[in-house]
Amino acid sequence: MVLAVGLWQGSQPHLFHTAISPRKVYRLEYYEASFLQSLMHHDFNMPAFARLYRIQPETLIGESEVVDLRMNGELYWYIEVPMNKVRVGRDIVFENIPPECTDCPPLPDSAVMP
């Protein structure tokens, strides 16, 4: 029984950070890779992945592959036409993201690249 619980726990990723889009429509969650995922990516210094959600209604938009986030975790909210993407570092990109609103004024660079 203890072995089964240990294997289950080792297979679970751990949430370590959350970011909300500038107009509070999307949520990006960062997860540390599970122990088993870390074993598969033993050459990564900080194995992690991200999940992007629409907040209302709660909808999972996408989940990235496990990547090395060490020195590679800058977040960019390019969710206005024509870009329509969320980028984390150089390895994670969620594309074709609907804009937060259609008639809003453009966001300042400080909101796009916090």
N, C-alpha and C. Protein backbone atom coordinates (compact mmCIF):
# COMPACT_ATOMS: atom_id res chain seq x y z
N MET A 1 0.82 -1.20 0.00
CA MET A 1 0.00 0.00 0.00
C MET A 1 0.87 1.26 0.00
N VAL A 2 1.90 1.29 0.85
CA VAL A 2 2.78 2.44 0.92
C VAL A 2 3.50 2.65 -0.42
N LEU A 3 3.88 1.56 -1.06
CA LEU A 3 4.55 1.65 -2.36
C LEU A 3 3.60 2.26 -3.40
N ALA A 4 2.33 1.85 -3.39
CA ALA A 4 1.35 2.39 -4.33
C ALA A 4 1.15 3.89 -4.12
N VAL A 5 1.05 4.30 -2.87
CA VAL A 5 0.89 5.73 -2.56
C VAL A 5 2.13 6.50 -3.00
N GLY A 6 3.29 5.94 -2.76
CA GLY A 6 4.54 6.59 -3.17
C GLY A 6 4.65 6.73 -4.68
N LEU A 7 4.26 5.70 -5.42
CA LEU A 7 4.27 5.77 -6.88
C LEU A 7 3.27 6.79 -7.39
N TRP A 8 2.08 6.84 -6.78
CA TRP A 8 1.08 7.81 -7.19
C TRP A 8 1.60 9.23 -6.94
N GLN A 9 2.17 9.46 -5.76
CA GLN A 9 2.69 10.79 -5.41
C GLN A 9 3.82 11.18 -6.36
N GLY A 10 4.66 10.21 -6.71
CA GLY A 10 5.78 10.49 -7.61
C GLY A 10 5.35 10.78 -9.04
N SER A 11 4.14 10.40 -9.38
CA SER A 11 3.66 10.64 -10.74
C SER A 11 2.90 11.95 -10.87
N GLN A 12 2.75 12.70 -9.79
CA GLN A 12 1.96 13.94 -9.80
C GLN A 12 2.85 15.18 -9.93
N PRO A 13 2.54 16.06 -10.89
CA PRO A 13 3.27 17.33 -10.96
C PRO A 13 2.84 18.25 -9.82
N HIS A 14 3.65 19.26 -9.53
CA HIS A 14 3.37 20.18 -8.43
C HIS A 14 3.30 21.61 -8.94
N LEU A 15 2.16 22.27 -8.69
CA LEU A 15 1.96 23.67 -9.08
C LEU A 15 2.93 24.54 -8.28
N PHE A 16 3.69 25.41 -8.98
CA PHE A 16 4.59 26.29 -8.23
C PHE A 16 4.42 27.77 -8.54
N HIS A 17 3.62 28.11 -9.56
CA HIS A 17 3.41 29.53 -9.85
C HIS A 17 2.17 29.69 -10.73
N THR A 18 1.49 30.81 -10.58
CA THR A 18 0.33 31.14 -11.40
C THR A 18 0.45 32.58 -11.86
N ALA A 19 0.07 32.83 -13.11
CA ALA A 19 0.05 34.19 -13.65
C ALA A 19 -1.31 34.42 -14.31
N ILE A 20 -1.82 35.63 -14.17
CA ILE A 20 -3.11 36.01 -14.74
C ILE A 20 -2.87 37.02 -15.86
N SER A 21 -3.61 36.88 -16.96
CA SER A 21 -3.44 37.79 -18.10
C SER A 21 -3.80 39.22 -17.71
N PRO A 22 -3.35 40.20 -18.49
CA PRO A 22 -3.57 41.61 -18.13
C PRO A 22 -5.03 41.99 -17.90
N ARG A 23 -5.94 41.42 -18.66
CA ARG A 23 -7.36 41.76 -18.48
C ARG A 23 -8.11 40.66 -17.72
N LYS A 24 -7.36 39.79 -17.08
CA LYS A 24 -7.91 38.76 -16.17
C LYS A 24 -8.87 37.78 -16.84
N VAL A 25 -8.55 37.41 -18.08
CA VAL A 25 -9.36 36.44 -18.82
C VAL A 25 -8.70 35.07 -18.81
N TYR A 26 -7.36 35.04 -18.79
CA TYR A 26 -6.62 33.78 -18.86
C TYR A 26 -5.74 33.60 -17.63
N ARG A 27 -5.47 32.33 -17.31
CA ARG A 27 -4.57 31.98 -16.20
C ARG A 27 -3.54 30.99 -16.73
N LEU A 28 -2.28 31.26 -16.43
CA LEU A 28 -1.20 30.35 -16.78
C LEU A 28 -0.66 29.74 -15.50
N GLU A 29 -0.61 28.42 -15.46
CA GLU A 29 -0.09 27.72 -14.28
C GLU A 29 1.21 27.03 -14.65
N TYR A 30 2.20 27.19 -13.79
CA TYR A 30 3.50 26.54 -13.98
C TYR A 30 3.58 25.35 -13.03
N TYR A 31 4.02 24.22 -13.54
CA TYR A 31 4.13 23.00 -12.74
C TYR A 31 5.55 22.47 -12.78
N GLU A 32 6.06 22.07 -11.61
CA GLU A 32 7.30 21.30 -11.57
C GLU A 32 6.97 19.92 -12.11
N ALA A 33 7.84 19.37 -12.91
CA ALA A 33 7.62 18.03 -13.44
C ALA A 33 7.56 17.04 -12.28
N SER A 34 6.78 15.99 -12.47
CA SER A 34 6.72 14.94 -11.45
C SER A 34 8.06 14.23 -11.38
N PHE A 35 8.24 13.45 -10.34
CA PHE A 35 9.48 12.70 -10.18
C PHE A 35 9.74 11.82 -11.40
N LEU A 36 8.70 11.16 -11.88
CA LEU A 36 8.86 10.28 -13.05
C LEU A 36 9.21 11.09 -14.30
N GLN A 37 8.56 12.24 -14.50
CA GLN A 37 8.90 13.10 -15.64
C GLN A 37 10.33 13.62 -15.52
N SER A 38 10.74 13.93 -14.30
CA SER A 38 12.11 14.40 -14.08
C SER A 38 13.14 13.32 -14.44
N LEU A 39 12.80 12.09 -14.15
CA LEU A 39 13.70 11.00 -14.53
C LEU A 39 13.83 10.89 -16.05
N MET A 40 12.73 11.10 -16.75
CA MET A 40 12.76 11.04 -18.22
C MET A 40 13.54 12.21 -18.81
N HIS A 41 13.58 13.33 -18.10
CA HIS A 41 14.27 14.54 -18.57
C HIS A 41 15.42 14.86 -17.61
N HIS A 42 16.23 13.88 -17.34
CA HIS A 42 17.30 14.02 -16.34
C HIS A 42 18.33 15.07 -16.71
N ASP A 43 18.40 15.46 -17.98
CA ASP A 43 19.38 16.47 -18.40
C ASP A 43 18.87 17.89 -18.20
N PHE A 44 17.61 18.08 -17.76
CA PHE A 44 17.06 19.41 -17.51
C PHE A 44 17.39 19.84 -16.08
N ASN A 45 17.79 21.10 -15.92
CA ASN A 45 18.05 21.64 -14.59
C ASN A 45 16.76 21.95 -13.83
N MET A 46 15.73 22.41 -14.56
CA MET A 46 14.45 22.76 -13.94
C MET A 46 13.32 22.25 -14.83
N PRO A 47 13.06 20.93 -14.82
CA PRO A 47 12.00 20.40 -15.68
C PRO A 47 10.63 20.87 -15.20
N ALA A 48 9.88 21.45 -16.13
CA ALA A 48 8.57 22.00 -15.79
C ALA A 48 7.71 22.06 -17.05
N PHE A 49 6.43 22.31 -16.84
CA PHE A 49 5.52 22.52 -17.96
C PHE A 49 4.48 23.55 -17.53
N ALA A 50 3.68 23.99 -18.49
CA ALA A 50 2.67 25.01 -18.20
C ALA A 50 1.31 24.57 -18.75
N ARG A 51 0.27 25.05 -18.09
CA ARG A 51 -1.11 24.86 -18.55
C ARG A 51 -1.75 26.23 -18.66
N LEU A 52 -2.46 26.45 -19.76
CA LEU A 52 -3.16 27.71 -19.97
C LEU A 52 -4.66 27.45 -19.88
N TYR A 53 -5.34 28.26 -19.06
CA TYR A 53 -6.78 28.14 -18.86
C TYR A 53 -7.47 29.45 -19.19
N ARG A 54 -8.69 29.34 -19.70
CA ARG A 54 -9.59 30.49 -19.73
C ARG A 54 -10.27 30.47 -18.36
N ILE A 55 -10.38 31.62 -17.72
CA ILE A 55 -10.89 31.67 -16.34
C ILE A 55 -12.40 31.49 -16.29
N GLN A 56 -13.15 32.17 -17.17
CA GLN A 56 -14.61 32.12 -17.12
C GLN A 56 -15.15 31.82 -18.50
N PRO A 57 -15.74 30.72 -18.81
CA PRO A 57 -15.87 29.54 -17.97
C PRO A 57 -14.53 28.81 -17.89
N GLU A 58 -14.30 28.10 -16.81
CA GLU A 58 -13.04 27.38 -16.58
C GLU A 58 -12.83 26.37 -17.71
N THR A 59 -11.82 26.65 -18.56
CA THR A 59 -11.56 25.80 -19.72
C THR A 59 -10.05 25.66 -19.90
N LEU A 60 -9.59 24.43 -20.00
CA LEU A 60 -8.18 24.18 -20.30
C LEU A 60 -7.96 24.43 -21.79
N ILE A 61 -7.09 25.37 -22.12
CA ILE A 61 -6.80 25.68 -23.52
C ILE A 61 -5.67 24.81 -24.03
N GLY A 62 -4.66 24.57 -23.20
CA GLY A 62 -3.55 23.75 -23.64
C GLY A 62 -2.57 23.46 -22.54
N GLU A 63 -1.74 22.45 -22.79
CA GLU A 63 -0.68 22.06 -21.87
C GLU A 63 0.59 21.86 -22.68
N SER A 64 1.69 22.39 -22.20
CA SER A 64 2.94 22.28 -22.92
C SER A 64 3.63 20.95 -22.63
N GLU A 65 4.66 20.69 -23.38
CA GLU A 65 5.56 19.58 -23.09
C GLU A 65 6.43 19.98 -21.90
N VAL A 66 7.12 19.02 -21.33
CA VAL A 66 8.09 19.32 -20.27
C VAL A 66 9.31 19.97 -20.92
N VAL A 67 9.71 21.13 -20.40
CA VAL A 67 10.86 21.87 -20.91
C VAL A 67 11.76 22.25 -19.74
N ASP A 68 12.94 22.72 -20.06
CA ASP A 68 13.85 23.21 -19.03
C ASP A 68 13.58 24.71 -18.84
N LEU A 69 12.98 25.07 -17.70
CA LEU A 69 12.64 26.48 -17.45
C LEU A 69 13.76 27.27 -16.79
N ARG A 70 14.87 26.63 -16.49
CA ARG A 70 15.98 27.38 -15.88
C ARG A 70 16.47 28.44 -16.87
N MET A 71 16.41 29.69 -16.44
CA MET A 71 16.81 30.84 -17.27
C MET A 71 15.99 30.89 -18.56
N ASN A 72 14.74 30.42 -18.52
CA ASN A 72 13.93 30.29 -19.72
C ASN A 72 12.45 30.43 -19.39
N GLY A 73 12.07 31.33 -18.49
CA GLY A 73 10.68 31.39 -18.09
C GLY A 73 10.00 32.73 -18.25
N GLU A 74 10.53 33.61 -19.13
CA GLU A 74 9.91 34.92 -19.31
C GLU A 74 8.53 34.75 -19.93
N LEU A 75 7.55 35.46 -19.41
CA LEU A 75 6.17 35.34 -19.86
C LEU A 75 5.80 36.54 -20.72
N TYR A 76 5.18 36.26 -21.88
CA TYR A 76 4.72 37.30 -22.79
C TYR A 76 3.26 37.02 -23.16
N TRP A 77 2.40 37.99 -22.89
CA TRP A 77 0.97 37.88 -23.22
C TRP A 77 0.73 38.58 -24.55
N TYR A 78 0.91 37.92 -25.66
CA TYR A 78 0.63 38.48 -26.99
C TYR A 78 -0.78 38.07 -27.40
N ILE A 79 -1.79 38.49 -26.64
CA ILE A 79 -3.14 38.00 -26.89
C ILE A 79 -4.03 39.02 -27.59
N GLU A 80 -3.41 39.86 -28.38
CA GLU A 80 -4.15 40.79 -29.22
C GLU A 80 -3.90 40.43 -30.67
N VAL A 81 -4.85 40.76 -31.53
CA VAL A 81 -4.70 40.52 -32.96
C VAL A 81 -3.50 41.32 -33.45
N PRO A 82 -2.61 40.83 -34.25
CA PRO A 82 -2.63 39.58 -34.99
C PRO A 82 -1.82 38.45 -34.32
N MET A 83 -1.18 38.69 -33.20
CA MET A 83 -0.29 37.68 -32.61
C MET A 83 -1.07 36.51 -32.02
N ASN A 84 -1.98 36.76 -31.11
CA ASN A 84 -2.85 35.75 -30.50
C ASN A 84 -2.07 34.56 -29.94
N LYS A 85 -1.11 34.84 -29.07
CA LYS A 85 -0.35 33.75 -28.46
C LYS A 85 0.13 34.14 -27.08
N VAL A 86 0.44 33.13 -26.30
CA VAL A 86 1.08 33.29 -25.00
C VAL A 86 2.40 32.53 -25.10
N ARG A 87 3.47 33.20 -24.70
CA ARG A 87 4.80 32.62 -24.83
C ARG A 87 5.48 32.60 -23.47
N VAL A 88 6.09 31.47 -23.14
CA VAL A 88 6.89 31.33 -21.92
C VAL A 88 8.30 30.95 -22.37
N GLY A 89 9.23 31.87 -22.19
CA GLY A 89 10.60 31.62 -22.61
C GLY A 89 10.68 31.34 -24.10
N ARG A 90 11.62 30.50 -24.48
CA ARG A 90 11.78 30.19 -25.90
C ARG A 90 11.15 28.86 -26.28
N ASP A 91 10.66 28.09 -25.29
CA ASP A 91 10.21 26.73 -25.58
C ASP A 91 8.71 26.49 -25.49
N ILE A 92 7.95 27.35 -24.83
CA ILE A 92 6.51 27.12 -24.66
C ILE A 92 5.76 28.23 -25.39
N VAL A 93 4.88 27.82 -26.32
CA VAL A 93 4.05 28.76 -27.05
C VAL A 93 2.64 28.18 -27.17
N PHE A 94 1.66 28.94 -26.72
CA PHE A 94 0.25 28.60 -26.93
C PHE A 94 -0.24 29.55 -28.02
N GLU A 95 -0.70 29.00 -29.14
CA GLU A 95 -1.09 29.83 -30.28
C GLU A 95 -2.61 29.83 -30.47
N ASN A 96 -3.07 30.77 -31.32
CA ASN A 96 -4.48 30.92 -31.66
C ASN A 96 -5.36 31.16 -30.44
N ILE A 97 -4.88 32.00 -29.54
CA ILE A 97 -5.61 32.35 -28.33
C ILE A 97 -6.59 33.48 -28.67
N PRO A 98 -7.87 33.30 -28.37
CA PRO A 98 -8.83 34.39 -28.64
C PRO A 98 -8.45 35.64 -27.85
N PRO A 99 -8.64 36.83 -28.44
CA PRO A 99 -8.33 38.06 -27.72
C PRO A 99 -9.19 38.20 -26.47
N GLU A 100 -8.67 38.92 -25.49
CA GLU A 100 -9.41 39.11 -24.25
C GLU A 100 -10.66 39.95 -24.47
N CYS A 101 -10.60 40.90 -25.36
CA CYS A 101 -11.77 41.68 -25.75
C CYS A 101 -11.51 42.23 -27.15
N THR A 102 -12.59 42.59 -27.85
CA THR A 102 -12.43 43.00 -29.24
C THR A 102 -12.28 44.51 -29.42
N ASP A 103 -12.86 45.32 -28.55
CA ASP A 103 -12.81 46.77 -28.73
C ASP A 103 -11.97 47.47 -27.67
N CYS A 104 -11.06 46.76 -27.06
CA CYS A 104 -10.23 47.36 -26.00
C CYS A 104 -9.06 48.10 -26.62
N PRO A 105 -8.58 49.13 -25.95
CA PRO A 105 -7.38 49.81 -26.42
C PRO A 105 -6.18 48.88 -26.27
N PRO A 106 -5.13 49.06 -27.07
CA PRO A 106 -3.95 48.21 -26.99
C PRO A 106 -3.31 48.27 -25.59
N LEU A 107 -2.74 47.17 -25.19
CA LEU A 107 -2.05 47.11 -23.90
C LEU A 107 -0.67 47.76 -24.00
N PRO A 108 -0.21 48.39 -22.94
CA PRO A 108 1.16 48.91 -22.93
C PRO A 108 2.14 47.74 -22.88
N ASP A 109 3.35 47.97 -23.33
CA ASP A 109 4.38 46.92 -23.33
C ASP A 109 4.61 46.35 -21.94
N SER A 110 4.46 47.16 -20.90
CA SER A 110 4.68 46.68 -19.53
C SER A 110 3.65 45.62 -19.13
N ALA A 111 2.47 45.61 -19.74
CA ALA A 111 1.47 44.60 -19.45
C ALA A 111 1.68 43.35 -20.28
N VAL A 112 2.19 43.51 -21.49
CA VAL A 112 2.44 42.38 -22.38
C VAL A 112 3.66 41.59 -21.92
N MET A 113 4.68 42.31 -21.50
CA MET A 113 5.94 41.68 -21.08
C MET A 113 6.26 42.09 -19.64
N PRO A 114 5.52 41.51 -18.67
CA PRO A 114 5.70 41.92 -17.28
C PRO A 114 7.08 41.59 -16.72
